[in-house]
Amino acid sequence: MPRLPEKPDSDFDAQTRAAFDQMAAYGAFENWSRVAAHNPPVLEQVGAMLTALRDGTTLPARLSELAMVTVSKINACDYCTTNHGPKLQVTGLSAEGIERLPDVENHPELTALERHVVLYAEAVTTRHGKMRDAEVEALRAHLSDAQMVELTWRIALTGAFNRFNDALQIAPEQRRAAPQPLHLPP
């Protein structure tokens, strides 16, 4: 049960309704949005930022979700792991592969780049001020500067969401079966 009540629709003013609808259009984060709705500017600004990041992304979804799930697993954030794990499965990583994160040694489902992303997410999360240049350079060999900025921001932002969600004990939305991976024609 959350430490703050989820704000009901009947308590929404016009600003809160618009911000709540923006988050609903972004994704299934209703429980988070109803708690954040106690401060409409927070809800509004987070929704606007997430939408802008999604619309202007430079990263493949698998890399972004891989980083977010890794951070959430390191921080043991049930809300974020529950919400982002299925999104990572859509990109083709199995439930067993997700469970294994952040362990990348001999991970059969990850490419070399994906291993670097997981290791980078772990480094930014657990020792951001003590990272080695080689950890960053391993990714820069594959990612543009814009992608490095986006990846680092998403990792740091996920850590902030983890702390917010856990501090206020926001419950994950009802768990649904994981969506099936997309199978696109060759």
C-alpha atoms as a PDB file:
ATOM      1  CA  MET A   1       0.000   0.000   0.000  1.00  0.00           C
ATOM      2  CA  PRO A   2       1.433   3.394  -0.929  1.00  0.00           C
ATOM      3  CA  ARG A   3       2.473   5.776   1.816  1.00  0.00           C
ATOM      4  CA  LEU A   4       0.333   8.445   0.152  1.00  0.00           C
ATOM      5  CA  PRO A   5      -3.168   7.799  -1.152  1.00  0.00           C
ATOM      6  CA  GLU A   6      -3.658   7.533  -4.881  1.00  0.00           C
ATOM      7  CA  LYS A   7      -5.490  10.679  -5.910  1.00  0.00           C
ATOM      8  CA  PRO A   8      -8.951   9.917  -7.380  1.00  0.00           C
ATOM      9  CA  ASP A   9     -10.252  11.469 -10.607  1.00  0.00           C
ATOM     10  CA  SER A  10     -12.782  13.477  -8.594  1.00  0.00           C
ATOM     11  CA  ASP A  11      -9.896  15.440  -7.016  1.00  0.00           C
ATOM     12  CA  PHE A  12      -8.274  16.392 -10.329  1.00  0.00           C
ATOM     13  CA  ASP A  13      -8.339  20.000 -11.447  1.00  0.00           C
ATOM     14  CA  ALA A  14      -7.802  20.837 -15.135  1.00  0.00           C
ATOM     15  CA  GLN A  15      -3.984  20.973 -14.818  1.00  0.00           C
ATOM     16  CA  THR A  16      -3.836  17.622 -13.017  1.00  0.00           C
ATOM     17  CA  ARG A  17      -6.211  15.996 -15.518  1.00  0.00           C
ATOM     18  CA  ALA A  18      -4.099  17.167 -18.455  1.00  0.00           C
ATOM     19  CA  ALA A  19      -0.889  15.926 -16.817  1.00  0.00           C
ATOM     20  CA  PHE A  20      -2.495  12.611 -15.854  1.00  0.00           C
ATOM     21  CA  ASP A  21      -3.764  12.096 -19.406  1.00  0.00           C
ATOM     22  CA  GLN A  22      -0.306  12.892 -20.796  1.00  0.00           C
ATOM     23  CA  MET A  23       1.233  10.182 -18.588  1.00  0.00           C
ATOM     24  CA  ALA A  24      -1.521   7.736 -19.557  1.00  0.00           C
ATOM     25  CA  ALA A  25      -0.702   8.360 -23.224  1.00  0.00           C
ATOM     26  CA  TYR A  26       2.962   7.690 -22.425  1.00  0.00           C
ATOM     27  CA  GLY A  27       2.355   4.333 -20.775  1.00  0.00           C
ATOM     28  CA  ALA A  28       0.650   2.275 -18.077  1.00  0.00           C
ATOM     29  CA  PHE A  29       1.882   4.122 -15.004  1.00  0.00           C
ATOM     30  CA  GLU A  30      -1.468   4.920 -13.387  1.00  0.00           C
ATOM     31  CA  ASN A  31      -0.488   4.142  -9.790  1.00  0.00           C
ATOM     32  CA  TRP A  32       2.617   6.309 -10.074  1.00  0.00           C
ATOM     33  CA  SER A  33       0.619   9.101 -11.698  1.00  0.00           C
ATOM     34  CA  ARG A  34      -2.074   9.047  -9.019  1.00  0.00           C
ATOM     35  CA  VAL A  35       0.534   9.493  -6.282  1.00  0.00           C
ATOM     36  CA  ALA A  36       2.469  12.139  -8.232  1.00  0.00           C
ATOM     37  CA  ALA A  37      -0.843  13.952  -8.872  1.00  0.00           C
ATOM     38  CA  HIS A  38      -0.619  15.378  -5.352  1.00  0.00           C
ATOM     39  CA  ASN A  39       1.858  17.808  -6.919  1.00  0.00           C
ATOM     40  CA  PRO A  40       0.629  18.548 -10.473  1.00  0.00           C
ATOM     41  CA  PRO A  41       3.866  20.239 -11.643  1.00  0.00           C
ATOM     42  CA  VAL A  42       5.809  17.033 -10.840  1.00  0.00           C
ATOM     43  CA  LEU A  43       3.334  14.933 -12.790  1.00  0.00           C
ATOM     44  CA  GLU A  44       3.275  17.445 -15.651  1.00  0.00           C
ATOM     45  CA  GLN A  45       7.048  17.850 -15.940  1.00  0.00           C
ATOM     46  CA  VAL A  46       7.811  14.137 -15.674  1.00  0.00           C
ATOM     47  CA  GLY A  47       5.194  13.334 -18.316  1.00  0.00           C
ATOM     48  CA  ALA A  48       6.540  16.013 -20.637  1.00  0.00           C
ATOM     49  CA  MET A  49      10.140  14.834 -20.179  1.00  0.00           C
ATOM     50  CA  LEU A  50       9.323  11.155 -20.712  1.00  0.00           C
ATOM     51  CA  THR A  51       7.268  11.922 -23.804  1.00  0.00           C
ATOM     52  CA  ALA A  52      10.041  14.104 -25.244  1.00  0.00           C
ATOM     53  CA  LEU A  53      12.630  11.399 -24.559  1.00  0.00           C
ATOM     54  CA  ARG A  54      10.464   8.773 -26.226  1.00  0.00           C
ATOM     55  CA  ASP A  55       9.735  10.950 -29.246  1.00  0.00           C
ATOM     56  CA  GLY A  56      13.370  12.000 -29.686  1.00  0.00           C
ATOM     57  CA  THR A  57      15.090   8.778 -28.713  1.00  0.00           C
ATOM     58  CA  THR A  58      18.427   7.961 -30.242  1.00  0.00           C
ATOM     59  CA  LEU A  59      18.682   4.514 -28.641  1.00  0.00           C
ATOM     60  CA  PRO A  60      17.190   1.197 -29.705  1.00  0.00           C
ATOM     61  CA  ALA A  61      14.427   0.211 -27.253  1.00  0.00           C
ATOM     62  CA  ARG A  62      16.275  -2.936 -26.211  1.00  0.00           C
ATOM     63  CA  LEU A  63      19.304  -0.971 -25.001  1.00  0.00           C
ATOM     64  CA  SER A  64      17.196   1.557 -23.140  1.00  0.00           C
ATOM     65  CA  GLU A  65      15.008  -1.090 -21.465  1.00  0.00           C
ATOM     66  CA  LEU A  66      18.052  -3.240 -20.704  1.00  0.00           C
ATOM     67  CA  ALA A  67      19.645  -0.335 -18.847  1.00  0.00           C
ATOM     68  CA  MET A  68      16.442   0.546 -16.970  1.00  0.00           C
ATOM     69  CA  VAL A  69      15.764  -3.041 -15.876  1.00  0.00           C
ATOM     70  CA  THR A  70      19.381  -3.459 -14.786  1.00  0.00           C
ATOM     71  CA  VAL A  71      19.239  -0.348 -12.604  1.00  0.00           C
ATOM     72  CA  SER A  72      15.865  -1.351 -11.170  1.00  0.00           C
ATOM     73  CA  LYS A  73      17.111  -4.829 -10.329  1.00  0.00           C
ATOM     74  CA  ILE A  74      20.254  -3.463  -8.662  1.00  0.00           C
ATOM     75  CA  ASN A  75      18.074  -1.108  -6.595  1.00  0.00           C
ATOM     76  CA  ALA A  76      15.452  -3.845  -5.999  1.00  0.00           C
ATOM     77  CA  CYS A  77      12.633  -1.573  -7.203  1.00  0.00           C
ATOM     78  CA  ASP A  78       9.631  -3.846  -7.696  1.00  0.00           C
ATOM     79  CA  TYR A  79       7.560  -1.137  -9.373  1.00  0.00           C
ATOM     80  CA  CYS A  80      10.099  -0.402 -12.113  1.00  0.00           C
ATOM     81  CA  THR A  81      11.168  -4.016 -12.620  1.00  0.00           C
ATOM     82  CA  THR A  82       7.531  -5.069 -12.931  1.00  0.00           C
ATOM     83  CA  ASN A  83       6.748  -2.323 -15.447  1.00  0.00           C
ATOM     84  CA  HIS A  84       9.898  -2.510 -17.561  1.00  0.00           C
ATOM     85  CA  GLY A  85      10.601  -6.259 -17.517  1.00  0.00           C
ATOM     86  CA  PRO A  86       7.751  -7.006 -19.949  1.00  0.00           C
ATOM     87  CA  LYS A  87       8.939  -4.195 -22.239  1.00  0.00           C
ATOM     88  CA  LEU A  88      12.366  -5.816 -22.323  1.00  0.00           C
ATOM     89  CA  GLN A  89      10.752  -9.158 -23.130  1.00  0.00           C
ATOM     90  CA  VAL A  90       9.061  -7.570 -26.151  1.00  0.00           C
ATOM     91  CA  THR A  91      12.538  -6.844 -27.497  1.00  0.00           C
ATOM     92  CA  GLY A  92      13.311 -10.572 -27.365  1.00  0.00           C
ATOM     93  CA  LEU A  93      15.051 -11.106 -24.025  1.00  0.00           C
ATOM     94  CA  SER A  94      13.545 -14.082 -22.201  1.00  0.00           C
ATOM     95  CA  ALA A  95      12.206 -13.987 -18.639  1.00  0.00           C
ATOM     96  CA  GLU A  96      15.168 -16.154 -17.657  1.00  0.00           C
ATOM     97  CA  GLY A  97      17.539 -13.731 -19.343  1.00  0.00           C
ATOM     98  CA  ILE A  98      15.988 -10.829 -17.442  1.00  0.00           C
ATOM     99  CA  GLU A  99      16.166 -12.737 -14.164  1.00  0.00           C
ATOM    100  CA  ARG A 100      19.886 -13.255 -14.698  1.00  0.00           C
ATOM    101  CA  LEU A 101      20.625  -9.505 -14.940  1.00  0.00           C
ATOM    102  CA  PRO A 102      22.881  -7.766 -14.003  1.00  0.00           C
ATOM    103  CA  ASP A 103      25.136 -10.822 -14.370  1.00  0.00           C
ATOM    104  CA  VAL A 104      26.445 -10.659 -17.933  1.00  0.00           C
ATOM    105  CA  GLU A 105      29.264 -13.169 -17.800  1.00  0.00           C
ATOM    106  CA  ASN A 106      28.515 -15.761 -20.467  1.00  0.00           C
ATOM    107  CA  HIS A 107      24.937 -14.447 -20.777  1.00  0.00           C
ATOM    108  CA  PRO A 108      23.761 -16.293 -23.906  1.00  0.00           C
ATOM    109  CA  GLU A 109      21.134 -13.730 -24.906  1.00  0.00           C
ATOM    110  CA  LEU A 110      23.239 -10.578 -24.850  1.00  0.00           C
ATOM    111  CA  THR A 111      25.479  -9.180 -27.553  1.00  0.00           C
ATOM    112  CA  ALA A 112      28.829  -7.636 -26.674  1.00  0.00           C
ATOM    113  CA  LEU A 113      27.268  -4.151 -26.894  1.00  0.00           C
ATOM    114  CA  GLU A 114      24.404  -5.186 -24.619  1.00  0.00           C
ATOM    115  CA  ARG A 115      26.881  -6.545 -22.064  1.00  0.00           C
ATOM    116  CA  HIS A 116      28.645  -3.169 -22.113  1.00  0.00           C
ATOM    117  CA  VAL A 117      25.286  -1.416 -21.568  1.00  0.00           C
ATOM    118  CA  VAL A 118      24.525  -3.584 -18.528  1.00  0.00           C
ATOM    119  CA  LEU A 119      28.013  -3.058 -17.092  1.00  0.00           C
ATOM    120  CA  TYR A 120      27.719   0.698 -17.700  1.00  0.00           C
ATOM    121  CA  ALA A 121      24.283   0.814 -16.025  1.00  0.00           C
ATOM    122  CA  GLU A 122      25.745  -1.016 -13.047  1.00  0.00           C
ATOM    123  CA  ALA A 123      28.732   1.356 -12.874  1.00  0.00           C
ATOM    124  CA  VAL A 124      26.610   4.518 -13.110  1.00  0.00           C
ATOM    125  CA  THR A 125      24.269   3.138 -10.439  1.00  0.00           C
ATOM    126  CA  THR A 126      26.781   1.836  -7.926  1.00  0.00           C
ATOM    127  CA  ARG A 127      30.006   3.820  -8.443  1.00  0.00           C
ATOM    128  CA  HIS A 128      29.313   6.764 -10.728  1.00  0.00           C
ATOM    129  CA  GLY A 129      32.149   8.845  -9.286  1.00  0.00           C
ATOM    130  CA  LYS A 130      34.680   6.030  -9.514  1.00  0.00           C
ATOM    131  CA  MET A 131      34.127   4.751 -13.025  1.00  0.00           C
ATOM    132  CA  ARG A 132      37.093   4.019 -15.239  1.00  0.00           C
ATOM    133  CA  ASP A 133      37.493   5.745 -18.596  1.00  0.00           C
ATOM    134  CA  ALA A 134      37.662   2.320 -20.248  1.00  0.00           C
ATOM    135  CA  GLU A 135      34.061   1.610 -19.192  1.00  0.00           C
ATOM    136  CA  VAL A 136      32.846   4.677 -21.035  1.00  0.00           C
ATOM    137  CA  GLU A 137      35.112   4.126 -24.031  1.00  0.00           C
ATOM    138  CA  ALA A 138      33.797   0.567 -24.461  1.00  0.00           C
ATOM    139  CA  LEU A 139      30.383   2.069 -25.183  1.00  0.00           C
ATOM    140  CA  ARG A 140      31.620   5.068 -27.148  1.00  0.00           C
ATOM    141  CA  ALA A 141      33.034   2.613 -29.674  1.00  0.00           C
ATOM    142  CA  HIS A 142      29.415   1.688 -30.484  1.00  0.00           C
ATOM    143  CA  LEU A 143      27.289   4.684 -29.514  1.00  0.00           C
ATOM    144  CA  SER A 144      27.191   8.305 -30.605  1.00  0.00           C
ATOM    145  CA  ASP A 145      27.650  11.133 -28.137  1.00  0.00           C
ATOM    146  CA  ALA A 146      23.888  11.761 -28.242  1.00  0.00           C
ATOM    147  CA  GLN A 147      23.241   8.102 -27.436  1.00  0.00           C
ATOM    148  CA  MET A 148      25.734   8.222 -24.552  1.00  0.00           C
ATOM    149  CA  VAL A 149      23.947  11.242 -23.091  1.00  0.00           C
ATOM    150  CA  GLU A 150      20.539   9.601 -23.467  1.00  0.00           C
ATOM    151  CA  LEU A 151      21.705   6.285 -22.011  1.00  0.00           C
ATOM    152  CA  THR A 152      23.381   7.960 -19.029  1.00  0.00           C
ATOM    153  CA  TRP A 153      20.335  10.159 -18.413  1.00  0.00           C
ATOM    154  CA  ARG A 154      17.959   7.183 -18.554  1.00  0.00           C
ATOM    155  CA  ILE A 155      20.158   5.247 -16.115  1.00  0.00           C
ATOM    156  CA  ALA A 156      20.319   8.177 -13.667  1.00  0.00           C
ATOM    157  CA  LEU A 157      16.608   8.905 -14.083  1.00  0.00           C
ATOM    158  CA  THR A 158      15.713   5.279 -13.426  1.00  0.00           C
ATOM    159  CA  GLY A 159      17.649   5.459 -10.170  1.00  0.00           C
ATOM    160  CA  ALA A 160      15.638   8.528  -9.188  1.00  0.00           C
ATOM    161  CA  PHE A 161      12.370   6.780 -10.077  1.00  0.00           C
ATOM    162  CA  ASN A 162      13.478   3.745  -8.056  1.00  0.00           C
ATOM    163  CA  ARG A 163      14.022   5.898  -4.973  1.00  0.00           C
ATOM    164  CA  PHE A 164      10.749   7.821  -5.428  1.00  0.00           C
ATOM    165  CA  ASN A 165       8.712   4.650  -5.943  1.00  0.00           C
ATOM    166  CA  ASP A 166      10.272   2.774  -3.043  1.00  0.00           C
ATOM    167  CA  ALA A 167      10.164   5.712  -0.616  1.00  0.00           C
ATOM    168  CA  LEU A 168       6.447   6.184  -1.257  1.00  0.00           C
ATOM    169  CA  GLN A 169       5.823   2.417  -1.663  1.00  0.00           C
ATOM    170  CA  ILE A 170       4.002   2.799  -4.964  1.00  0.00           C
ATOM    171  CA  ALA A 171       2.496  -0.524  -5.959  1.00  0.00           C
ATOM    172  CA  PRO A 172       3.038  -1.895  -9.453  1.00  0.00           C
ATOM    173  CA  GLU A 173       0.011  -1.886 -11.708  1.00  0.00           C
ATOM    174  CA  GLN A 174      -1.691  -5.270 -11.883  1.00  0.00           C
ATOM    175  CA  ARG A 175       0.703  -7.742 -13.390  1.00  0.00           C
ATOM    176  CA  ARG A 176      -0.204  -8.882 -16.857  1.00  0.00           C
ATOM    177  CA  ALA A 177       1.238 -11.633 -18.973  1.00  0.00           C
ATOM    178  CA  ALA A 178       4.319 -10.417 -20.777  1.00  0.00           C
ATOM    179  CA  PRO A 179       3.649  -9.270 -24.343  1.00  0.00           C
ATOM    180  CA  GLN A 180       4.996 -11.594 -26.982  1.00  0.00           C
ATOM    181  CA  PRO A 181       8.126 -10.519 -28.881  1.00  0.00           C
ATOM    182  CA  LEU A 182       7.531  -8.836 -32.184  1.00  0.00           C
ATOM    183  CA  HIS A 183       8.294 -11.029 -35.186  1.00  0.00           C
ATOM    184  CA  LEU A 184       8.886  -8.789 -38.153  1.00  0.00           C
ATOM    185  CA  PRO A 185       9.213 -10.170 -41.667  1.00  0.00           C
ATOM    186  CA  PRO A 186      12.814 -10.269 -42.952  1.00  0.00           C
END
